[in-house]
C-alpha cells in the first residue's frame, strides 16, 4: 500500500461520520437479542417507584386496631355521659376532681377550652343546643370521637377504613382554628348576654 493510500484510510477512520458509526455499532453489540437498532435510551427509567398510599393492615392486626379505636371512643363517650352538664356552660370538669379555670378566675373571660367538657357531656345526653352554647367545638369533637368509634367497628369487621389516608399537618391546624372560632363565639355570646366578663 502506498503512502497516499495509507493517509487516506487514516483520514477516513478519524472522520466524525466514522466515529458515529463506530459508537452505534458498539451500542448495538450490547443490545438484547432480537432488538435491532436498540440505542439503550430506555435502560434508565426516571419514574420514581410508587409508594404505598396507606397502612396495609389485614387480619388480626387490623381487628386489634379497630378494637382499640372502638374501646377508646366508647370510653370517652361513657365518661362524658357520666358527667352532669353544669349551668353557665363551664365548670363540668370539676366533677373529675380538676380545679377551677385559673384564666377565668383571673380575667373573668373563658379560656379557649372553657366549656368543652360541658359541651361533650351535653352531647352525650343528646342536648345539642346546650352543647353548642357551652362550646361549639365540643360538638365537633364529640362527633369526631363518635366517627372514630364507628371506624373502629368497621375495622373489627375486617374493613381497612384508613387505607389510603395519611395524617396531615393541616388537620391539627384546622382543629386549632375551629377551637379558637368556637371560643370567640362563646365569648361573644357571653358578652352580649352579660354573662362575661364575670364580676
C-alpha atoms as a PDB file:
ATOM      1  CA  UNK A   1       0.000   0.000   0.000  1.00  0.00           C
ATOM      2  CA  UNK A   2       1.389   3.409  -0.953  1.00  0.00           C
ATOM      3  CA  UNK A   3       1.863   6.237   1.476  1.00  0.00           C
ATOM      4  CA  UNK A   4      -1.007   8.206  -0.124  1.00  0.00           C
ATOM      5  CA  UNK A   5      -3.458   5.290   0.299  1.00  0.00           C
ATOM      6  CA  UNK A   6      -2.478   4.834   3.957  1.00  0.00           C
ATOM      7  CA  UNK A   7      -3.011   8.537   4.650  1.00  0.00           C
ATOM      8  CA  UNK A   8      -6.457   8.464   3.034  1.00  0.00           C
ATOM      9  CA  UNK A   9      -7.533   5.432   5.113  1.00  0.00           C
ATOM     10  CA  UNK A  10      -6.358   7.054   8.341  1.00  0.00           C
ATOM     11  CA  UNK A  11      -8.212  10.280   7.460  1.00  0.00           C
ATOM     12  CA  UNK A  12     -11.469   8.392   6.836  1.00  0.00           C
ATOM     13  CA  UNK A  13     -11.147   6.498  10.148  1.00  0.00           C
ATOM     14  CA  UNK A  14     -10.763   9.764  12.047  1.00  0.00           C
ATOM     15  CA  UNK A  15     -13.720  11.475  10.359  1.00  0.00           C
ATOM     16  CA  UNK A  16     -16.822  12.354  12.533  1.00  0.00           C
ATOM     17  CA  UNK A  17     -19.088  10.105  10.464  1.00  0.00           C
ATOM     18  CA  UNK A  18     -16.812   7.134  11.020  1.00  0.00           C
ATOM     19  CA  UNK A  19     -16.688   7.758  14.789  1.00  0.00           C
ATOM     20  CA  UNK A  20     -20.508   7.973  14.946  1.00  0.00           C
ATOM     21  CA  UNK A  21     -20.851   4.663  13.115  1.00  0.00           C
ATOM     22  CA  UNK A  22     -18.366   3.017  15.478  1.00  0.00           C
ATOM     23  CA  UNK A  23     -20.332   4.220  18.524  1.00  0.00           C
ATOM     24  CA  UNK A  24     -23.581   2.954  17.055  1.00  0.00           C
ATOM     25  CA  UNK A  25     -22.090  -0.472  16.356  1.00  0.00           C
ATOM     26  CA  UNK A  26     -20.735  -0.628  19.918  1.00  0.00           C
ATOM     27  CA  UNK A  27     -24.189   0.162  21.348  1.00  0.00           C
ATOM     28  CA  UNK A  28     -25.839  -2.463  19.173  1.00  0.00           C
ATOM     29  CA  UNK A  29     -23.360  -5.070  20.389  1.00  0.00           C
ATOM     30  CA  UNK A  30     -24.690  -4.646  23.929  1.00  0.00           C
ATOM     31  CA  UNK A  31     -28.362  -4.540  22.912  1.00  0.00           C
ATOM     32  CA  UNK A  32     -30.590  -7.526  23.790  1.00  0.00           C
ATOM     33  CA  UNK A  33     -31.014 -10.096  21.077  1.00  0.00           C
ATOM     34  CA  UNK A  34     -33.896  -9.510  18.741  1.00  0.00           C
ATOM     35  CA  UNK A  35     -33.879  -5.697  19.243  1.00  0.00           C
ATOM     36  CA  UNK A  36     -32.249  -4.345  16.129  1.00  0.00           C
ATOM     37  CA  UNK A  37     -31.215  -0.719  16.365  1.00  0.00           C
ATOM     38  CA  UNK A  38     -31.582  -0.642  20.144  1.00  0.00           C
ATOM     39  CA  UNK A  39     -29.857   2.518  21.377  1.00  0.00           C
ATOM     40  CA  UNK A  40     -30.109   1.922  25.143  1.00  0.00           C
ATOM     41  CA  UNK A  41     -32.229   5.017  25.714  1.00  0.00           C
ATOM     42  CA  UNK A  42     -34.745   3.217  27.966  1.00  0.00           C
ATOM     43  CA  UNK A  43     -32.201   1.491  30.179  1.00  0.00           C
ATOM     44  CA  UNK A  44     -32.616   4.215  32.813  1.00  0.00           C
ATOM     45  CA  UNK A  45     -36.181   4.844  33.934  1.00  0.00           C
ATOM     46  CA  UNK A  46     -36.660   8.234  35.566  1.00  0.00           C
ATOM     47  CA  UNK A  47     -40.082   7.350  37.000  1.00  0.00           C
ATOM     48  CA  UNK A  48     -39.813   7.063  40.813  1.00  0.00           C
ATOM     49  CA  UNK A  49     -41.142   3.867  42.383  1.00  0.00           C
ATOM     50  CA  UNK A  50     -44.665   4.131  43.679  1.00  0.00           C
ATOM     51  CA  UNK A  51     -45.135   4.227  47.433  1.00  0.00           C
ATOM     52  CA  UNK A  52     -47.959   2.582  49.311  1.00  0.00           C
ATOM     53  CA  UNK A  53     -50.780   5.047  49.923  1.00  0.00           C
ATOM     54  CA  UNK A  54     -51.537   3.880  53.433  1.00  0.00           C
ATOM     55  CA  UNK A  55     -51.082   1.143  56.008  1.00  0.00           C
ATOM     56  CA  UNK A  56     -51.941  -2.228  54.541  1.00  0.00           C
ATOM     57  CA  UNK A  57     -53.070  -3.962  57.722  1.00  0.00           C
ATOM     58  CA  UNK A  58     -55.042  -7.163  57.443  1.00  0.00           C
ATOM     59  CA  UNK A  59     -56.281  -9.918  59.650  1.00  0.00           C
ATOM     60  CA  UNK A  60     -55.584  -9.863  63.383  1.00  0.00           C
ATOM     61  CA  UNK A  61     -53.626  -6.590  63.429  1.00  0.00           C
ATOM     62  CA  UNK A  62     -56.429  -4.764  61.641  1.00  0.00           C
ATOM     63  CA  UNK A  63     -59.034  -6.046  64.074  1.00  0.00           C
ATOM     64  CA  UNK A  64     -56.880  -5.198  67.088  1.00  0.00           C
ATOM     65  CA  UNK A  65     -56.548  -1.635  65.841  1.00  0.00           C
ATOM     66  CA  UNK A  66     -60.299  -1.460  65.324  1.00  0.00           C
ATOM     67  CA  UNK A  67     -60.879  -2.817  68.830  1.00  0.00           C
ATOM     68  CA  UNK A  68     -58.554  -0.189  70.329  1.00  0.00           C
ATOM     69  CA  UNK A  69     -60.290   2.636  68.478  1.00  0.00           C
ATOM     70  CA  UNK A  70     -63.726   1.399  69.465  1.00  0.00           C
ATOM     71  CA  UNK A  71     -62.729   0.959  73.114  1.00  0.00           C
ATOM     72  CA  UNK A  72     -61.204   4.453  73.358  1.00  0.00           C
ATOM     73  CA  UNK A  73     -64.207   6.093  71.714  1.00  0.00           C
ATOM     74  CA  UNK A  74     -66.701   4.189  73.846  1.00  0.00           C
ATOM     75  CA  UNK A  75     -64.730   5.046  76.991  1.00  0.00           C
ATOM     76  CA  UNK A  76     -64.715   8.766  76.188  1.00  0.00           C
ATOM     77  CA  UNK A  77     -68.426   8.821  75.380  1.00  0.00           C
ATOM     78  CA  UNK A  78     -69.252   6.839  78.543  1.00  0.00           C
ATOM     79  CA  UNK A  79     -67.187   9.250  80.643  1.00  0.00           C
ATOM     80  CA  UNK A  80     -68.976  12.241  79.111  1.00  0.00           C
ATOM     81  CA  UNK A  81     -72.326  10.586  79.765  1.00  0.00           C
ATOM     82  CA  UNK A  82     -71.459  10.124  83.429  1.00  0.00           C
ATOM     83  CA  UNK A  83     -70.995  13.886  83.911  1.00  0.00           C
ATOM     84  CA  UNK A  84     -73.859  16.278  84.564  1.00  0.00           C
ATOM     85  CA  UNK A  85     -73.505  19.435  82.422  1.00  0.00           C
ATOM     86  CA  UNK A  86     -73.298  22.465  84.670  1.00  0.00           C
ATOM     87  CA  UNK A  87     -75.287  25.588  84.114  1.00  0.00           C
ATOM     88  CA  UNK A  88     -73.421  28.551  82.700  1.00  0.00           C
ATOM     89  CA  UNK A  89     -71.616  26.418  80.148  1.00  0.00           C
ATOM     90  CA  UNK A  90     -68.444  25.759  82.144  1.00  0.00           C
ATOM     91  CA  UNK A  91     -67.179  24.030  85.283  1.00  0.00           C
ATOM     92  CA  UNK A  92     -68.291  20.480  84.463  1.00  0.00           C
ATOM     93  CA  UNK A  93     -64.645  19.326  84.559  1.00  0.00           C
ATOM     94  CA  UNK A  94     -64.639  19.876  88.327  1.00  0.00           C
ATOM     95  CA  UNK A  95     -66.607  16.637  88.664  1.00  0.00           C
ATOM     96  CA  UNK A  96     -63.380  14.909  87.597  1.00  0.00           C
ATOM     97  CA  UNK A  97     -61.518  16.438  90.533  1.00  0.00           C
ATOM     98  CA  UNK A  98     -59.942  19.242  88.490  1.00  0.00           C
ATOM     99  CA  UNK A  99     -59.707  22.817  89.832  1.00  0.00           C
ATOM    100  CA  UNK A 100     -61.435  25.949  88.553  1.00  0.00           C
ATOM    101  CA  UNK A 101     -60.114  27.546  85.372  1.00  0.00           C
ATOM    102  CA  UNK A 102     -57.418  29.946  86.543  1.00  0.00           C
ATOM    103  CA  UNK A 103     -57.751  32.084  83.413  1.00  0.00           C
ATOM    104  CA  UNK A 104     -61.470  32.528  84.016  1.00  0.00           C
ATOM    105  CA  UNK A 105     -60.979  33.362  87.674  1.00  0.00           C
ATOM    106  CA  UNK A 106     -58.296  35.960  86.942  1.00  0.00           C
ATOM    107  CA  UNK A 107     -59.731  37.675  83.870  1.00  0.00           C
ATOM    108  CA  UNK A 108     -63.444  36.992  84.053  1.00  0.00           C
ATOM    109  CA  UNK A 109     -63.317  35.639  80.488  1.00  0.00           C
ATOM    110  CA  UNK A 110     -63.369  31.957  79.472  1.00  0.00           C
ATOM    111  CA  UNK A 111     -60.191  30.333  78.216  1.00  0.00           C
ATOM    112  CA  UNK A 112     -60.168  28.645  74.774  1.00  0.00           C
ATOM    113  CA  UNK A 113     -61.115  25.289  76.304  1.00  0.00           C
ATOM    114  CA  UNK A 114     -63.697  26.511  78.811  1.00  0.00           C
ATOM    115  CA  UNK A 115     -66.961  24.700  78.239  1.00  0.00           C
ATOM    116  CA  UNK A 116     -65.525  21.811  76.241  1.00  0.00           C
ATOM    117  CA  UNK A 117     -66.286  19.225  78.928  1.00  0.00           C
ATOM    118  CA  UNK A 118     -69.741  20.703  79.451  1.00  0.00           C
ATOM    119  CA  UNK A 119     -70.372  20.616  75.707  1.00  0.00           C
ATOM    120  CA  UNK A 120     -69.339  16.979  75.322  1.00  0.00           C
ATOM    121  CA  UNK A 121     -71.348  15.962  78.405  1.00  0.00           C
ATOM    122  CA  UNK A 122     -74.409  17.621  76.900  1.00  0.00           C
ATOM    123  CA  UNK A 123     -73.794  15.878  73.560  1.00  0.00           C
ATOM    124  CA  UNK A 124     -73.655  12.508  75.334  1.00  0.00           C
ATOM    125  CA  UNK A 125     -77.162  13.275  76.621  1.00  0.00           C
ATOM    126  CA  UNK A 126     -78.428  14.387  73.224  1.00  0.00           C
ATOM    127  CA  UNK A 127     -78.655  18.069  74.226  1.00  0.00           C
ATOM    128  CA  UNK A 128     -77.178  19.530  71.054  1.00  0.00           C
ATOM    129  CA  UNK A 129     -78.325  23.144  71.548  1.00  0.00           C
ATOM    130  CA  UNK A 130     -76.967  23.220  75.080  1.00  0.00           C
ATOM    131  CA  UNK A 131     -73.716  21.676  73.891  1.00  0.00           C
ATOM    132  CA  UNK A 132     -73.323  24.291  71.167  1.00  0.00           C
ATOM    133  CA  UNK A 133     -73.921  27.081  73.662  1.00  0.00           C
ATOM    134  CA  UNK A 134     -71.298  25.700  76.041  1.00  0.00           C
ATOM    135  CA  UNK A 135     -68.655  25.455  73.311  1.00  0.00           C
ATOM    136  CA  UNK A 136     -69.306  24.922  69.580  1.00  0.00           C
ATOM    137  CA  UNK A 137     -66.074  22.988  69.125  1.00  0.00           C
ATOM    138  CA  UNK A 138     -67.205  20.480  71.761  1.00  0.00           C
ATOM    139  CA  UNK A 139     -69.912  19.385  69.334  1.00  0.00           C
ATOM    140  CA  UNK A 140     -67.325  18.875  66.586  1.00  0.00           C
ATOM    141  CA  UNK A 141     -65.009  16.967  68.925  1.00  0.00           C
ATOM    142  CA  UNK A 142     -67.785  14.688  70.159  1.00  0.00           C
ATOM    143  CA  UNK A 143     -68.806  13.856  66.591  1.00  0.00           C
ATOM    144  CA  UNK A 144     -65.155  13.115  65.725  1.00  0.00           C
ATOM    145  CA  UNK A 145     -64.923  10.699  68.672  1.00  0.00           C
ATOM    146  CA  UNK A 146     -68.148   9.001  67.578  1.00  0.00           C
ATOM    147  CA  UNK A 147     -66.852   8.735  63.993  1.00  0.00           C
ATOM    148  CA  UNK A 148     -63.617   7.155  65.262  1.00  0.00           C
ATOM    149  CA  UNK A 149     -65.691   4.591  67.143  1.00  0.00           C
ATOM    150  CA  UNK A 150     -67.672   3.787  64.008  1.00  0.00           C
ATOM    151  CA  UNK A 151     -64.409   3.380  62.074  1.00  0.00           C
ATOM    152  CA  UNK A 152     -63.137   1.014  64.761  1.00  0.00           C
ATOM    153  CA  UNK A 153     -66.299  -1.042  64.488  1.00  0.00           C
ATOM    154  CA  UNK A 154     -65.832  -1.283  60.720  1.00  0.00           C
ATOM    155  CA  UNK A 155     -62.244  -2.457  61.166  1.00  0.00           C
ATOM    156  CA  UNK A 156     -63.402  -5.084  63.622  1.00  0.00           C
ATOM    157  CA  UNK A 157     -65.468  -6.410  60.723  1.00  0.00           C
ATOM    158  CA  UNK A 158     -62.309  -6.599  58.574  1.00  0.00           C
ATOM    159  CA  UNK A 159     -62.541  -3.385  56.574  1.00  0.00           C
ATOM    160  CA  UNK A 160     -59.425  -1.196  56.478  1.00  0.00           C
ATOM    161  CA  UNK A 161     -61.005   2.236  56.862  1.00  0.00           C
ATOM    162  CA  UNK A 162     -57.703   4.128  56.960  1.00  0.00           C
ATOM    163  CA  UNK A 163     -56.201   2.638  53.789  1.00  0.00           C
ATOM    164  CA  UNK A 164     -55.014   5.491  51.602  1.00  0.00           C
ATOM    165  CA  UNK A 165     -55.342   8.034  54.437  1.00  0.00           C
ATOM    166  CA  UNK A 166     -52.288   9.760  55.865  1.00  0.00           C
ATOM    167  CA  UNK A 167     -52.271  12.271  58.729  1.00  0.00           C
ATOM    168  CA  UNK A 168     -51.764  15.837  57.549  1.00  0.00           C
ATOM    169  CA  UNK A 169     -50.446  18.859  59.404  1.00  0.00           C
ATOM    170  CA  UNK A 170     -53.423  20.897  58.299  1.00  0.00           C
ATOM    171  CA  UNK A 171     -55.707  18.593  60.294  1.00  0.00           C
ATOM    172  CA  UNK A 172     -54.202  19.905  63.528  1.00  0.00           C
ATOM    173  CA  UNK A 173     -54.246  23.463  62.200  1.00  0.00           C
ATOM    174  CA  UNK A 174     -57.907  23.136  61.247  1.00  0.00           C
ATOM    175  CA  UNK A 175     -58.774  21.708  64.665  1.00  0.00           C
ATOM    176  CA  UNK A 176     -56.985  24.550  66.424  1.00  0.00           C
ATOM    177  CA  UNK A 177     -58.695  27.104  64.195  1.00  0.00           C
ATOM    178  CA  UNK A 178     -62.141  25.627  64.894  1.00  0.00           C
ATOM    179  CA  UNK A 179     -61.484  25.599  68.637  1.00  0.00           C
ATOM    180  CA  UNK A 180     -60.452  29.264  68.585  1.00  0.00           C
ATOM    181  CA  UNK A 181     -63.500  30.107  66.496  1.00  0.00           C
ATOM    182  CA  UNK A 182     -65.746  28.338  68.995  1.00  0.00           C
ATOM    183  CA  UNK A 183     -64.031  30.190  71.829  1.00  0.00           C
ATOM    184  CA  UNK A 184     -64.674  33.508  70.108  1.00  0.00           C
ATOM    185  CA  UNK A 185     -68.341  32.681  69.576  1.00  0.00           C
ATOM    186  CA  UNK A 186     -68.742  31.638  73.213  1.00  0.00           C
ATOM    187  CA  UNK A 187     -67.079  34.818  74.476  1.00  0.00           C
ATOM    188  CA  UNK A 188     -69.139  36.995  72.136  1.00  0.00           C
ATOM    189  CA  UNK A 189     -72.419  35.343  73.128  1.00  0.00           C
ATOM    190  CA  UNK A 190     -71.480  35.699  76.805  1.00  0.00           C
ATOM    191  CA  UNK A 191     -70.638  39.352  76.386  1.00  0.00           C
ATOM    192  CA  UNK A 192     -73.907  40.083  74.587  1.00  0.00           C
ATOM    193  CA  UNK A 193     -75.920  38.266  77.261  1.00  0.00           C
ATOM    194  CA  UNK A 194     -73.999  39.875  80.115  1.00  0.00           C
ATOM    195  CA  UNK A 195     -72.522  36.571  81.331  1.00  0.00           C
ATOM    196  CA  UNK A 196     -68.944  37.631  80.597  1.00  0.00           C
ATOM    197  CA  UNK A 197     -66.857  39.088  81.997  1.00  0.00           C
ATOM    198  CA  UNK A 198     -67.546  37.559  85.375  1.00  0.00           C
ATOM    199  CA  UNK A 199     -67.910  40.096  88.172  1.00  0.00           C
END
